[in-house]
Structures are given as structure tokens and as C-alpha cells.
Amino acid sequence: MTEKRLNDLEIRFSFQDDFVSQLNEVVTRQGLIIERLEREILDLKRSANSDGSLASSRSLSDDKPPHY
């Protein structure tokens, strides 16, 4: 293998290595965001269930529309 080809391969590898590191950071950040959003959804579901238990006993047909 010639010296130039070896040098070109080393340069390509270093760029690919940097790119993989950047992708890893993005994926890690997205994973943390997904975990936070999942926790927020669970909290909202719990909140809706605790508030909804009182509201579920009422029927929507019992409520008057706002224009009455």
C-alpha cells in the first residue's frame, strides 16, 4: 500500500470516528429526552386519572352548552 493511500485512509477513519462520536452524543441526548417525556406522560396520566375519577361520574349530556 502506498504512503498516500495509507494517509488517505487514516484521514477518512479519523473523520468517521469523529462523526460516530457526534452521532453517539445525539443519540444519548435523544434517549434522555425520550425518558423525560415518558415520565411526563406518566405523570399526566396519573393526574388525569386522579382528577378524572370525579369527572367520570358525571355525564356530558348533563352539562349545558356554554351558550345557554
PDB file of N, CA and C in Angstrom:
ATOM      1  N   MET A   1       0.857  -1.169   0.000  1.00  0.00           N
ATOM      2  CA  MET A   1       0.000   0.000   0.000  1.00  0.00           C
ATOM      3  C   MET A   1       0.909   1.240   0.000  1.00  0.00           C
ATOM      4  N   THR A   2       0.553   2.175  -0.825  1.00  0.00           N
ATOM      5  CA  THR A   2       1.398   3.361  -0.906  1.00  0.00           C
ATOM      6  C   THR A   2       1.173   4.261   0.303  1.00  0.00           C
ATOM      7  N   GLU A   3       2.128   5.118   0.521  1.00  0.00           N
ATOM      8  CA  GLU A   3       2.060   6.037   1.668  1.00  0.00           C
ATOM      9  C   GLU A   3       0.852   6.976   1.558  1.00  0.00           C
ATOM     10  N   LYS A   4       0.565   7.447   0.333  1.00  0.00           N
ATOM     11  CA  LYS A   4      -0.567   8.364   0.140  1.00  0.00           C
ATOM     12  C   LYS A   4      -1.889   7.668   0.432  1.00  0.00           C
ATOM     13  N   ARG A   5      -2.044   6.447  -0.037  1.00  0.00           N
ATOM     14  CA  ARG A   5      -3.285   5.702   0.219  1.00  0.00           C
ATOM     15  C   ARG A   5      -3.470   5.456   1.706  1.00  0.00           C
ATOM     16  N   LEU A   6      -2.410   5.107   2.384  1.00  0.00           N
ATOM     17  CA  LEU A   6      -2.492   4.872   3.823  1.00  0.00           C
ATOM     18  C   LEU A   6      -2.856   6.161   4.552  1.00  0.00           C
ATOM     19  N   ASN A   7      -2.268   7.261   4.150  1.00  0.00           N
ATOM     20  CA  ASN A   7      -2.574   8.547   4.748  1.00  0.00           C
ATOM     21  C   ASN A   7      -4.037   8.923   4.506  1.00  0.00           C
ATOM     22  N   ASP A   8      -4.532   8.698   3.287  1.00  0.00           N
ATOM     23  CA  ASP A   8      -5.940   8.986   2.968  1.00  0.00           C
ATOM     24  C   ASP A   8      -6.889   8.146   3.819  1.00  0.00           C
ATOM     25  N   LEU A   9      -6.545   6.885   3.999  1.00  0.00           N
ATOM     26  CA  LEU A   9      -7.374   6.008   4.839  1.00  0.00           C
ATOM     27  C   LEU A   9      -7.382   6.472   6.287  1.00  0.00           C
ATOM     28  N   GLU A  10      -6.245   6.903   6.781  1.00  0.00           N
ATOM     29  CA  GLU A  10      -6.180   7.401   8.156  1.00  0.00           C
ATOM     30  C   GLU A  10      -7.026   8.662   8.325  1.00  0.00           C
ATOM     31  N   ILE A  11      -6.985   9.529   7.325  1.00  0.00           N
ATOM     32  CA  ILE A  11      -7.797  10.747   7.387  1.00  0.00           C
ATOM     33  C   ILE A  11      -9.283  10.396   7.369  1.00  0.00           C
ATOM     34  N   ARG A  12      -9.671   9.494   6.461  1.00  0.00           N
ATOM     35  CA  ARG A  12     -11.084   9.084   6.385  1.00  0.00           C
ATOM     36  C   ARG A  12     -11.531   8.453   7.694  1.00  0.00           C
ATOM     37  N   PHE A  13     -10.675   7.626   8.277  1.00  0.00           N
ATOM     38  CA  PHE A  13     -11.018   6.973   9.538  1.00  0.00           C
ATOM     39  C   PHE A  13     -11.200   8.001  10.650  1.00  0.00           C
ATOM     40  N   SER A  14     -10.336   9.007  10.698  1.00  0.00           N
ATOM     41  CA  SER A  14     -10.457   9.996  11.760  1.00  0.00           C
ATOM     42  C   SER A  14     -11.747  10.798  11.615  1.00  0.00           C
ATOM     43  N   PHE A  15     -12.144  11.116  10.373  1.00  0.00           N
ATOM     44  CA  PHE A  15     -13.416  11.812  10.167  1.00  0.00           C
ATOM     45  C   PHE A  15     -14.599  10.926  10.548  1.00  0.00           C
ATOM     46  N   GLN A  16     -14.520   9.660  10.194  1.00  0.00           N
ATOM     47  CA  GLN A  16     -15.598   8.733  10.546  1.00  0.00           C
ATOM     48  C   GLN A  16     -15.677   8.534  12.050  1.00  0.00           C
ATOM     49  N   ASP A  17     -14.549   8.464  12.699  1.00  0.00           N
ATOM     50  CA  ASP A  17     -14.517   8.306  14.153  1.00  0.00           C
ATOM     51  C   ASP A  17     -15.152   9.516  14.830  1.00  0.00           C
ATOM     52  N   ASP A  18     -14.834  10.709  14.345  1.00  0.00           N
ATOM     53  CA  ASP A  18     -15.432  11.931  14.890  1.00  0.00           C
ATOM     54  C   ASP A  18     -16.937  11.948  14.653  1.00  0.00           C
ATOM     55  N   PHE A  19     -17.344  11.536  13.460  1.00  0.00           N
ATOM     56  CA  PHE A  19     -18.768  11.516  13.124  1.00  0.00           C
ATOM     57  C   PHE A  19     -19.532  10.537  14.007  1.00  0.00           C
ATOM     58  N   VAL A  20     -18.964   9.373  14.250  1.00  0.00           N
ATOM     59  CA  VAL A  20     -19.600   8.377  15.122  1.00  0.00           C
ATOM     60  C   VAL A  20     -19.722   8.921  16.540  1.00  0.00           C
ATOM     61  N   SER A  21     -18.721   9.637  17.006  1.00  0.00           N
ATOM     62  CA  SER A  21     -18.785  10.243  18.342  1.00  0.00           C
ATOM     63  C   SER A  21     -19.902  11.281  18.420  1.00  0.00           C
ATOM     64  N   GLN A  22     -20.031  12.091  17.379  1.00  0.00           N
ATOM     65  CA  GLN A  22     -21.111  13.087  17.341  1.00  0.00           C
ATOM     66  C   GLN A  22     -22.478  12.412  17.312  1.00  0.00           C
ATOM     67  N   LEU A  23     -22.613  11.358  16.520  1.00  0.00           N
ATOM     68  CA  LEU A  23     -23.875  10.624  16.475  1.00  0.00           C
ATOM     69  C   LEU A  23     -24.206  10.017  17.828  1.00  0.00           C
ATOM     70  N   ASN A  24     -23.204   9.500  18.505  1.00  0.00           N
ATOM     71  CA  ASN A  24     -23.415   8.918  19.826  1.00  0.00           C
ATOM     72  C   ASN A  24     -23.937   9.964  20.801  1.00  0.00           C
ATOM     73  N   GLU A  25     -23.383  11.181  20.743  1.00  0.00           N
ATOM     74  CA  GLU A  25     -23.861  12.252  21.618  1.00  0.00           C
ATOM     75  C   GLU A  25     -25.312  12.603  21.311  1.00  0.00           C
ATOM     76  N   VAL A  26     -25.663  12.654  20.037  1.00  0.00           N
ATOM     77  CA  VAL A  26     -27.037  12.976  19.648  1.00  0.00           C
ATOM     78  C   VAL A  26     -27.995  11.897  20.136  1.00  0.00           C
ATOM     79  N   VAL A  27     -27.630  10.649  19.926  1.00  0.00           N
ATOM     80  CA  VAL A  27     -28.498   9.538  20.339  1.00  0.00           C
ATOM     81  C   VAL A  27     -28.650   9.508  21.856  1.00  0.00           C
ATOM     82  N   THR A  28     -27.572   9.765  22.571  1.00  0.00           N
ATOM     83  CA  THR A  28     -27.629   9.794  24.037  1.00  0.00           C
ATOM     84  C   THR A  28     -28.559  10.913  24.508  1.00  0.00           C
ATOM     85  N   ARG A  29     -28.417  12.100  23.915  1.00  0.00           N
ATOM     86  CA  ARG A  29     -29.283  13.232  24.277  1.00  0.00           C
ATOM     87  C   ARG A  29     -30.741  12.920  23.972  1.00  0.00           C
ATOM     88  N   GLN A  30     -30.990  12.325  22.810  1.00  0.00           N
ATOM     89  CA  GLN A  30     -32.364  11.982  22.452  1.00  0.00           C
ATOM     90  C   GLN A  30     -32.936  10.932  23.400  1.00  0.00           C
ATOM     91  N   GLY A  31     -32.114   9.994  23.817  1.00  0.00           N
ATOM     92  CA  GLY A  31     -32.568   8.992  24.773  1.00  0.00           C
ATOM     93  C   GLY A  31     -32.988   9.631  26.088  1.00  0.00           C
ATOM     94  N   LEU A  32     -32.209  10.601  26.549  1.00  0.00           N
ATOM     95  CA  LEU A  32     -32.561  11.303  27.794  1.00  0.00           C
ATOM     96  C   LEU A  32     -33.856  12.095  27.629  1.00  0.00           C
ATOM     97  N   ILE A  33     -34.016  12.722  26.473  1.00  0.00           N
ATOM     98  CA  ILE A  33     -35.244  13.482  26.211  1.00  0.00           C
ATOM     99  C   ILE A  33     -36.441  12.540  26.175  1.00  0.00           C
ATOM    100  N   ILE A  34     -36.292  11.384  25.539  1.00  0.00           N
ATOM    101  CA  ILE A  34     -37.392  10.415  25.461  1.00  0.00           C
ATOM    102  C   ILE A  34     -37.766   9.928  26.859  1.00  0.00           C
ATOM    103  N   GLU A  35     -36.770   9.640  27.689  1.00  0.00           N
ATOM    104  CA  GLU A  35     -37.057   9.197  29.054  1.00  0.00           C
ATOM    105  C   GLU A  35     -37.805  10.272  29.834  1.00  0.00           C
ATOM    106  N   ARG A  36     -37.388  11.540  29.680  1.00  0.00           N
ATOM    107  CA  ARG A  36     -38.071  12.636  30.378  1.00  0.00           C
ATOM    108  C   ARG A  36     -39.505  12.773  29.891  1.00  0.00           C
ATOM    109  N   LEU A  37     -39.716  12.661  28.586  1.00  0.00           N
ATOM    110  CA  LEU A  37     -41.066  12.773  28.037  1.00  0.00           C
ATOM    111  C   LEU A  37     -41.950  11.615  28.486  1.00  0.00           C
ATOM    112  N   GLU A  38     -41.373  10.420  28.580  1.00  0.00           N
ATOM    113  CA  GLU A  38     -42.143   9.272  29.072  1.00  0.00           C
ATOM    114  C   GLU A  38     -42.582   9.497  30.516  1.00  0.00           C
ATOM    115  N   ARG A  39     -41.672  10.054  31.340  1.00  0.00           N
ATOM    116  CA  ARG A  39     -42.046  10.347  32.728  1.00  0.00           C
ATOM    117  C   ARG A  39     -43.141  11.400  32.784  1.00  0.00           C
ATOM    118  N   GLU A  40     -43.046  12.423  31.934  1.00  0.00           N
ATOM    119  CA  GLU A  40     -44.077  13.465  31.911  1.00  0.00           C
ATOM    120  C   GLU A  40     -45.426  12.897  31.485  1.00  0.00           C
ATOM    121  N   ILE A  41     -45.421  11.993  30.514  1.00  0.00           N
ATOM    122  CA  ILE A  41     -46.673  11.371  30.076  1.00  0.00           C
ATOM    123  C   ILE A  41     -47.283  10.553  31.202  1.00  0.00           C
ATOM    124  N   LEU A  42     -46.440   9.794  31.913  1.00  0.00           N
ATOM    125  CA  LEU A  42     -46.955   9.013  33.043  1.00  0.00           C
ATOM    126  C   LEU A  42     -47.538   9.922  34.124  1.00  0.00           C
ATOM    127  N   ASP A  43     -46.849  11.027  34.396  1.00  0.00           N
ATOM    128  CA  ASP A  43     -47.366  11.978  35.385  1.00  0.00           C
ATOM    129  C   ASP A  43     -48.704  12.560  34.938  1.00  0.00           C
ATOM    130  N   LEU A  44     -48.807  12.891  33.662  1.00  0.00           N
ATOM    131  CA  LEU A  44     -50.072  13.428  33.142  1.00  0.00           C
ATOM    132  C   LEU A  44     -51.187  12.390  33.218  1.00  0.00           C
ATOM    133  N   LYS A  45     -50.856  11.142  32.921  1.00  0.00           N
ATOM    134  CA  LYS A  45     -51.869  10.076  33.013  1.00  0.00           C
ATOM    135  C   LYS A  45     -52.331   9.900  34.455  1.00  0.00           C
ATOM    136  N   ARG A  46     -51.367   9.921  35.380  1.00  0.00           N
ATOM    137  CA  ARG A  46     -51.740   9.794  36.795  1.00  0.00           C
ATOM    138  C   ARG A  46     -52.608  10.970  37.230  1.00  0.00           C
ATOM    139  N   SER A  47     -52.239  12.153  36.796  1.00  0.00           N
ATOM    140  CA  SER A  47     -53.002  13.349  37.127  1.00  0.00           C
ATOM    141  C   SER A  47     -54.400  13.278  36.533  1.00  0.00           C
ATOM    142  N   ALA A  48     -54.496  12.832  35.302  1.00  0.00           N
ATOM    143  CA  ALA A  48     -55.805  12.717  34.651  1.00  0.00           C
ATOM    144  C   ALA A  48     -56.661  11.660  35.337  1.00  0.00           C
ATOM    145  N   ASN A  49     -56.039  10.572  35.766  1.00  0.00           N
ATOM    146  CA  ASN A  49     -56.789   9.525  36.443  1.00  0.00           C
ATOM    147  C   ASN A  49     -57.291   9.988  37.800  1.00  0.00           C
ATOM    148  N   SER A  50     -56.478  10.725  38.518  1.00  0.00           N
ATOM    149  CA  SER A  50     -56.920  11.177  39.840  1.00  0.00           C
ATOM    150  C   SER A  50     -57.980  12.265  39.703  1.00  0.00           C
ATOM    151  N   ASP A  51     -57.831  13.172  38.738  1.00  0.00           N
ATOM    152  CA  ASP A  51     -58.844  14.201  38.504  1.00  0.00           C
ATOM    153  C   ASP A  51     -60.042  13.635  37.759  1.00  0.00           C
ATOM    154  N   GLY A  52     -59.783  12.692  36.892  1.00  0.00           N
ATOM    155  CA  GLY A  52     -60.846  12.128  36.062  1.00  0.00           C
ATOM    156  C   GLY A  52     -61.785  11.220  36.822  1.00  0.00           C
ATOM    157  N   SER A  53     -61.377  10.733  37.975  1.00  0.00           N
ATOM    158  CA  SER A  53     -62.258   9.843  38.723  1.00  0.00           C
ATOM    159  C   SER A  53     -63.505  10.585  39.190  1.00  0.00           C
ATOM    160  N   LEU A  54     -63.352  11.862  39.503  1.00  0.00           N
ATOM    161  CA  LEU A  54     -64.512  12.650  39.899  1.00  0.00           C
ATOM    162  C   LEU A  54     -65.344  13.048  38.683  1.00  0.00           C
ATOM    163  N   ALA A  55     -64.664  13.400  37.608  1.00  0.00           N
ATOM    164  CA  ALA A  55     -65.365  13.848  36.413  1.00  0.00           C
ATOM    165  C   ALA A  55     -66.024  12.697  35.672  1.00  0.00           C
ATOM    166  N   SER A  56     -65.509  11.490  35.829  1.00  0.00           N
ATOM    167  CA  SER A  56     -66.077  10.372  35.090  1.00  0.00           C
ATOM    168  C   SER A  56     -67.455   9.982  35.621  1.00  0.00           C
ATOM    169  N   SER A  57     -67.786  10.359  36.841  1.00  0.00           N
ATOM    170  CA  SER A  57     -69.100  10.032  37.375  1.00  0.00           C
ATOM    171  C   SER A  57     -70.177  10.930  36.768  1.00  0.00           C
ATOM    172  N   ARG A  58     -69.769  12.063  36.189  1.00  0.00           N
ATOM    173  CA  ARG A  58     -70.720  12.968  35.537  1.00  0.00           C
ATOM    174  C   ARG A  58     -70.857  12.593  34.074  1.00  0.00           C
ATOM    175  N   SER A  59     -72.000  12.862  33.532  1.00  0.00           N
ATOM    176  CA  SER A  59     -72.236  12.609  32.119  1.00  0.00           C
ATOM    177  C   SER A  59     -72.149  13.924  31.360  1.00  0.00           C
ATOM    178  N   LEU A  60     -71.613  13.883  30.171  1.00  0.00           N
ATOM    179  CA  LEU A  60     -71.536  15.082  29.361  1.00  0.00           C
ATOM    180  C   LEU A  60     -72.920  15.571  28.951  1.00  0.00           C
ATOM    181  N   SER A  61     -73.867  14.670  28.866  1.00  0.00           N
ATOM    182  CA  SER A  61     -75.226  15.088  28.496  1.00  0.00           C
ATOM    183  C   SER A  61     -75.895  15.892  29.615  1.00  0.00           C
ATOM    184  N   ASP A  62     -75.382  15.805  30.856  1.00  0.00           N
ATOM    185  CA  ASP A  62     -75.932  16.589  31.958  1.00  0.00           C
ATOM    186  C   ASP A  62     -75.467  18.032  31.903  1.00  0.00           C
ATOM    187  N   ASP A  63     -74.368  18.296  31.228  1.00  0.00           N
ATOM    188  CA  ASP A  63     -73.847  19.666  31.154  1.00  0.00           C
ATOM    189  C   ASP A  63     -74.586  20.462  30.080  1.00  0.00           C
ATOM    190  N   LYS A  64     -74.864  21.710  30.401  1.00  0.00           N
ATOM    191  CA  LYS A  64     -75.470  22.588  29.398  1.00  0.00           C
ATOM    192  C   LYS A  64     -74.382  23.204  28.532  1.00  0.00           C
ATOM    193  N   PRO A  65     -74.636  23.381  27.264  1.00  0.00           N
ATOM    194  CA  PRO A  65     -73.641  24.040  26.411  1.00  0.00           C
ATOM    195  C   PRO A  65     -73.416  25.468  26.904  1.00  0.00           C
ATOM    196  N   PRO A  66     -72.292  26.070  26.605  1.00  0.00           N
ATOM    197  CA  PRO A  66     -71.967  27.389  27.134  1.00  0.00           C
ATOM    198  C   PRO A  66     -72.902  28.497  26.654  1.00  0.00           C
ATOM    199  N   HIS A  67     -73.626  28.306  25.550  1.00  0.00           N
ATOM    200  CA  HIS A  67     -74.483  29.377  25.051  1.00  0.00           C
ATOM    201  C   HIS A  67     -75.852  29.410  25.745  1.00  0.00           C
ATOM    202  N   TYR A  68     -76.135  28.502  26.676  1.00  0.00           N
ATOM    203  CA  TYR A  68     -77.407  28.533  27.413  1.00  0.00           C
ATOM    204  C   TYR A  68     -77.287  29.336  28.658  1.00  0.00           C
TER     205      TYR A  68
END
